[in-house]
Amino acid sequence: MGALMIARIKVKDPHKFQEYITGSKQVATPYGAKLVYQGKVVRTLNGEDNHEIVVIAEFPDADHINDWFDSDAYQPLVALREEAADMHMTNYQVIS
C-alpha cells in the first residue's frame, strides 16, 4: 500500500456533492487513485466530529496525492467542493 487520502465530509448540497465526486474520480484516476472505502458515520465514539461520510482513496505514494490535489485539472472542482460539502482532506504516507 502506498499512500492514503482520507476525506471526512459533511454534505451541504447532495446534487453538487455527486457532481464533485464524479469529477474528482475522473481527475484522480490518472494519478493512480483507487477507492478503498466509502461509508457513513454511525457513531462518534470519542471527541467531537460533525462529519457524516468518510472516503478513503489509495494512491501510489504521497506525491501522487499532492500532484492530483494541486493539478490544473482538479482546480476547477475546488469551488464545487466548497459549495457541495464541508470537507477535511488528509494525505497519509504508509509507514512500516
N, C-alpha and C. Protein backbone atom coordinates (compact mmCIF):
# COMPACT_ATOMS: atom_id res chain seq x y z
N MET A 1 0.85 -1.18 0.00
CA MET A 1 0.00 0.00 0.00
C MET A 1 0.89 1.24 0.00
N GLY A 2 0.54 2.22 -0.84
CA GLY A 2 1.33 3.42 -0.96
C GLY A 2 0.95 4.51 0.02
N ALA A 3 -0.01 5.34 -0.36
CA ALA A 3 -0.44 6.47 0.47
C ALA A 3 -1.96 6.56 0.41
N LEU A 4 -2.53 7.13 1.45
CA LEU A 4 -3.98 7.25 1.53
C LEU A 4 -4.40 8.71 1.61
N MET A 5 -5.47 9.04 0.90
CA MET A 5 -6.14 10.32 1.05
C MET A 5 -7.43 9.99 1.78
N ILE A 6 -7.59 10.59 2.96
CA ILE A 6 -8.78 10.36 3.75
C ILE A 6 -9.56 11.67 3.83
N ALA A 7 -10.82 11.61 3.43
CA ALA A 7 -11.69 12.77 3.47
C ALA A 7 -12.84 12.51 4.43
N ARG A 8 -13.02 13.44 5.36
CA ARG A 8 -14.17 13.41 6.27
C ARG A 8 -15.10 14.50 5.78
N ILE A 9 -16.36 14.17 5.57
CA ILE A 9 -17.25 15.03 4.79
C ILE A 9 -18.59 15.25 5.48
N LYS A 10 -19.05 16.50 5.43
CA LYS A 10 -20.42 16.85 5.80
C LYS A 10 -21.04 17.49 4.57
N VAL A 11 -21.99 16.83 3.98
CA VAL A 11 -22.61 17.27 2.72
C VAL A 11 -23.55 18.44 2.99
N LYS A 12 -23.41 19.48 2.16
CA LYS A 12 -24.30 20.64 2.22
C LYS A 12 -25.33 20.60 1.09
N ASP A 13 -24.91 20.12 -0.07
CA ASP A 13 -25.78 20.07 -1.25
C ASP A 13 -25.56 18.72 -1.93
N PRO A 14 -26.47 17.76 -1.74
CA PRO A 14 -26.27 16.40 -2.28
C PRO A 14 -26.05 16.37 -3.80
N HIS A 15 -26.77 17.18 -4.55
CA HIS A 15 -26.61 17.18 -6.01
C HIS A 15 -25.20 17.65 -6.39
N LYS A 16 -24.76 18.74 -5.82
CA LYS A 16 -23.41 19.26 -6.11
C LYS A 16 -22.34 18.30 -5.61
N PHE A 17 -22.62 17.62 -4.49
CA PHE A 17 -21.65 16.66 -3.96
C PHE A 17 -21.44 15.51 -4.95
N GLN A 18 -22.53 14.99 -5.51
CA GLN A 18 -22.40 13.91 -6.50
C GLN A 18 -21.63 14.40 -7.73
N GLU A 19 -21.89 15.63 -8.13
CA GLU A 19 -21.18 16.22 -9.26
C GLU A 19 -19.68 16.32 -8.95
N TYR A 20 -19.36 16.74 -7.72
CA TYR A 20 -17.96 16.84 -7.29
C TYR A 20 -17.30 15.46 -7.28
N ILE A 21 -17.97 14.47 -6.71
CA ILE A 21 -17.41 13.12 -6.62
C ILE A 21 -17.12 12.56 -8.01
N THR A 22 -18.05 12.74 -8.93
CA THR A 22 -17.85 12.25 -10.29
C THR A 22 -16.63 12.92 -10.93
N GLY A 23 -16.56 14.23 -10.83
CA GLY A 23 -15.42 14.95 -11.41
C GLY A 23 -14.11 14.61 -10.74
N SER A 24 -14.14 14.48 -9.44
CA SER A 24 -12.92 14.18 -8.69
C SER A 24 -12.37 12.81 -9.05
N LYS A 25 -13.26 11.83 -9.18
CA LYS A 25 -12.82 10.47 -9.58
C LYS A 25 -12.15 10.51 -10.95
N GLN A 26 -12.76 11.24 -11.89
CA GLN A 26 -12.19 11.32 -13.24
C GLN A 26 -10.81 11.95 -13.23
N VAL A 27 -10.63 12.98 -12.42
CA VAL A 27 -9.34 13.66 -12.36
C VAL A 27 -8.31 12.84 -11.60
N ALA A 28 -8.73 12.10 -10.57
CA ALA A 28 -7.79 11.36 -9.73
C ALA A 28 -7.31 10.06 -10.37
N THR A 29 -8.10 9.47 -11.25
CA THR A 29 -7.74 8.18 -11.85
C THR A 29 -6.36 8.19 -12.52
N PRO A 30 -6.01 9.22 -13.32
CA PRO A 30 -4.67 9.23 -13.93
C PRO A 30 -3.52 9.29 -12.92
N TYR A 31 -3.82 9.66 -11.68
CA TYR A 31 -2.80 9.72 -10.63
C TYR A 31 -2.73 8.42 -9.83
N GLY A 32 -3.43 7.40 -10.31
CA GLY A 32 -3.37 6.09 -9.69
C GLY A 32 -4.33 5.90 -8.53
N ALA A 33 -5.32 6.77 -8.40
CA ALA A 33 -6.27 6.68 -7.28
C ALA A 33 -7.18 5.47 -7.41
N LYS A 34 -7.38 4.79 -6.28
CA LYS A 34 -8.32 3.68 -6.19
C LYS A 34 -9.15 3.87 -4.93
N LEU A 35 -10.46 3.81 -5.07
CA LEU A 35 -11.34 3.93 -3.92
C LEU A 35 -11.17 2.69 -3.03
N VAL A 36 -10.84 2.92 -1.77
CA VAL A 36 -10.66 1.84 -0.80
C VAL A 36 -11.91 1.66 0.04
N TYR A 37 -12.51 2.78 0.45
CA TYR A 37 -13.65 2.71 1.36
C TYR A 37 -14.46 3.99 1.26
N GLN A 38 -15.77 3.84 1.35
CA GLN A 38 -16.69 4.97 1.46
C GLN A 38 -17.81 4.53 2.37
N GLY A 39 -18.06 5.29 3.43
CA GLY A 39 -19.10 4.88 4.36
C GLY A 39 -19.64 6.05 5.16
N LYS A 40 -20.79 5.80 5.80
CA LYS A 40 -21.44 6.81 6.63
C LYS A 40 -21.07 6.58 8.10
N VAL A 41 -20.96 7.67 8.82
CA VAL A 41 -20.68 7.61 10.26
C VAL A 41 -21.91 7.05 10.97
N VAL A 42 -21.68 6.08 11.82
CA VAL A 42 -22.76 5.51 12.62
C VAL A 42 -22.76 6.17 14.00
N ARG A 43 -21.57 6.36 14.55
CA ARG A 43 -21.45 6.93 15.89
C ARG A 43 -20.04 7.44 16.08
N THR A 44 -19.91 8.64 16.65
CA THR A 44 -18.60 9.16 17.04
C THR A 44 -18.33 8.62 18.45
N LEU A 45 -17.28 7.84 18.57
CA LEU A 45 -17.00 7.19 19.85
C LEU A 45 -16.28 8.09 20.84
N ASN A 46 -15.49 9.03 20.33
CA ASN A 46 -14.73 9.90 21.22
C ASN A 46 -14.48 11.22 20.51
N GLY A 47 -14.55 12.30 21.26
CA GLY A 47 -14.28 13.62 20.68
C GLY A 47 -15.49 14.16 19.94
N GLU A 48 -15.28 15.34 19.34
CA GLU A 48 -16.36 15.99 18.59
C GLU A 48 -16.07 15.88 17.10
N ASP A 49 -17.08 15.52 16.35
CA ASP A 49 -16.94 15.39 14.91
C ASP A 49 -18.31 15.58 14.28
N ASN A 50 -18.41 16.49 13.34
CA ASN A 50 -19.70 16.73 12.70
C ASN A 50 -19.76 16.18 11.27
N HIS A 51 -18.80 15.35 10.92
CA HIS A 51 -18.77 14.79 9.57
C HIS A 51 -19.69 13.58 9.48
N GLU A 52 -20.23 13.36 8.28
CA GLU A 52 -21.21 12.30 8.07
C GLU A 52 -20.68 11.13 7.26
N ILE A 53 -19.68 11.41 6.42
CA ILE A 53 -19.17 10.42 5.47
C ILE A 53 -17.65 10.41 5.54
N VAL A 54 -17.06 9.24 5.32
CA VAL A 54 -15.62 9.14 5.17
C VAL A 54 -15.34 8.45 3.84
N VAL A 55 -14.34 8.99 3.13
CA VAL A 55 -13.89 8.39 1.88
C VAL A 55 -12.39 8.17 2.00
N ILE A 56 -11.94 6.97 1.65
CA ILE A 56 -10.52 6.64 1.67
C ILE A 56 -10.12 6.19 0.28
N ALA A 57 -9.12 6.88 -0.28
CA ALA A 57 -8.60 6.52 -1.60
C ALA A 57 -7.12 6.22 -1.47
N GLU A 58 -6.68 5.19 -2.16
CA GLU A 58 -5.26 4.82 -2.17
C GLU A 58 -4.61 5.36 -3.44
N PHE A 59 -3.41 5.91 -3.28
CA PHE A 59 -2.59 6.40 -4.38
C PHE A 59 -1.24 5.68 -4.29
N PRO A 60 -0.46 5.68 -5.37
CA PRO A 60 0.85 5.01 -5.33
C PRO A 60 1.78 5.55 -4.25
N ASP A 61 1.73 6.85 -4.02
CA ASP A 61 2.55 7.47 -2.97
C ASP A 61 1.99 8.85 -2.66
N ALA A 62 2.55 9.50 -1.63
CA ALA A 62 2.06 10.80 -1.18
C ALA A 62 2.22 11.86 -2.26
N ASP A 63 3.27 11.77 -3.06
CA ASP A 63 3.47 12.75 -4.13
C ASP A 63 2.33 12.70 -5.15
N HIS A 64 1.82 11.51 -5.44
CA HIS A 64 0.70 11.40 -6.38
C HIS A 64 -0.55 12.09 -5.83
N ILE A 65 -0.75 12.01 -4.53
CA ILE A 65 -1.89 12.72 -3.91
C ILE A 65 -1.70 14.22 -4.06
N ASN A 66 -0.51 14.69 -3.73
CA ASN A 66 -0.23 16.13 -3.84
C ASN A 66 -0.36 16.60 -5.28
N ASP A 67 0.16 15.81 -6.23
CA ASP A 67 0.09 16.19 -7.64
C ASP A 67 -1.37 16.26 -8.11
N TRP A 68 -2.20 15.30 -7.68
CA TRP A 68 -3.63 15.33 -8.03
C TRP A 68 -4.28 16.58 -7.43
N PHE A 69 -4.08 16.80 -6.15
CA PHE A 69 -4.74 17.90 -5.45
C PHE A 69 -4.33 19.26 -6.01
N ASP A 70 -3.07 19.39 -6.44
CA ASP A 70 -2.55 20.65 -6.96
C ASP A 70 -2.67 20.77 -8.48
N SER A 71 -3.21 19.74 -9.14
CA SER A 71 -3.25 19.72 -10.60
C SER A 71 -4.18 20.79 -11.17
N ASP A 72 -3.87 21.21 -12.38
CA ASP A 72 -4.74 22.15 -13.10
C ASP A 72 -6.12 21.55 -13.33
N ALA A 73 -6.17 20.24 -13.54
CA ALA A 73 -7.44 19.57 -13.79
C ALA A 73 -8.35 19.56 -12.56
N TYR A 74 -7.75 19.53 -11.35
CA TYR A 74 -8.55 19.48 -10.12
C TYR A 74 -9.03 20.87 -9.69
N GLN A 75 -8.29 21.90 -10.02
CA GLN A 75 -8.60 23.24 -9.51
C GLN A 75 -10.02 23.72 -9.81
N PRO A 76 -10.59 23.45 -11.00
CA PRO A 76 -11.98 23.87 -11.23
C PRO A 76 -12.98 23.19 -10.29
N LEU A 77 -12.60 22.07 -9.69
CA LEU A 77 -13.50 21.36 -8.78
C LEU A 77 -13.49 21.92 -7.36
N VAL A 78 -12.52 22.77 -7.05
CA VAL A 78 -12.39 23.28 -5.68
C VAL A 78 -13.62 24.09 -5.29
N ALA A 79 -14.07 25.00 -6.14
CA ALA A 79 -15.25 25.81 -5.81
C ALA A 79 -16.48 24.92 -5.65
N LEU A 80 -16.62 23.93 -6.52
CA LEU A 80 -17.73 22.99 -6.42
C LEU A 80 -17.66 22.22 -5.11
N ARG A 81 -16.46 21.77 -4.72
CA ARG A 81 -16.27 21.05 -3.46
C ARG A 81 -16.73 21.91 -2.28
N GLU A 82 -16.35 23.18 -2.29
CA GLU A 82 -16.69 24.06 -1.18
C GLU A 82 -18.18 24.36 -1.11
N GLU A 83 -18.85 24.40 -2.28
CA GLU A 83 -20.30 24.59 -2.30
C GLU A 83 -21.02 23.31 -1.88
N ALA A 84 -20.46 22.16 -2.22
CA ALA A 84 -21.12 20.88 -2.02
C ALA A 84 -21.01 20.35 -0.59
N ALA A 85 -19.87 20.62 0.07
CA ALA A 85 -19.64 19.97 1.36
C ALA A 85 -18.57 20.69 2.17
N ASP A 86 -18.63 20.47 3.47
CA ASP A 86 -17.51 20.81 4.35
C ASP A 86 -16.65 19.56 4.38
N MET A 87 -15.38 19.72 3.99
CA MET A 87 -14.54 18.54 3.81
C MET A 87 -13.18 18.75 4.47
N HIS A 88 -12.75 17.75 5.20
CA HIS A 88 -11.41 17.72 5.81
C HIS A 88 -10.65 16.61 5.10
N MET A 89 -9.63 16.99 4.30
CA MET A 89 -8.90 16.01 3.49
C MET A 89 -7.46 15.93 4.00
N THR A 90 -6.97 14.70 4.14
CA THR A 90 -5.62 14.48 4.67
C THR A 90 -4.87 13.47 3.82
N ASN A 91 -3.59 13.70 3.64
CA ASN A 91 -2.69 12.83 2.88
C ASN A 91 -1.85 12.04 3.89
N TYR A 92 -1.94 10.72 3.84
CA TYR A 92 -1.19 9.85 4.75
C TYR A 92 -0.22 8.97 3.96
N GLN A 93 1.05 9.02 4.31
CA GLN A 93 2.02 8.10 3.73
C GLN A 93 2.12 6.90 4.66
N VAL A 94 1.96 5.72 4.11
CA VAL A 94 2.03 4.50 4.91
C VAL A 94 3.47 4.28 5.35
N ILE A 95 3.66 3.97 6.63
CA ILE A 95 4.99 3.67 7.16
C ILE A 95 5.04 2.23 7.64
N SER A 96 6.23 1.67 7.64
CA SER A 96 6.35 0.27 8.07
C SER A 96 6.56 0.19 9.56
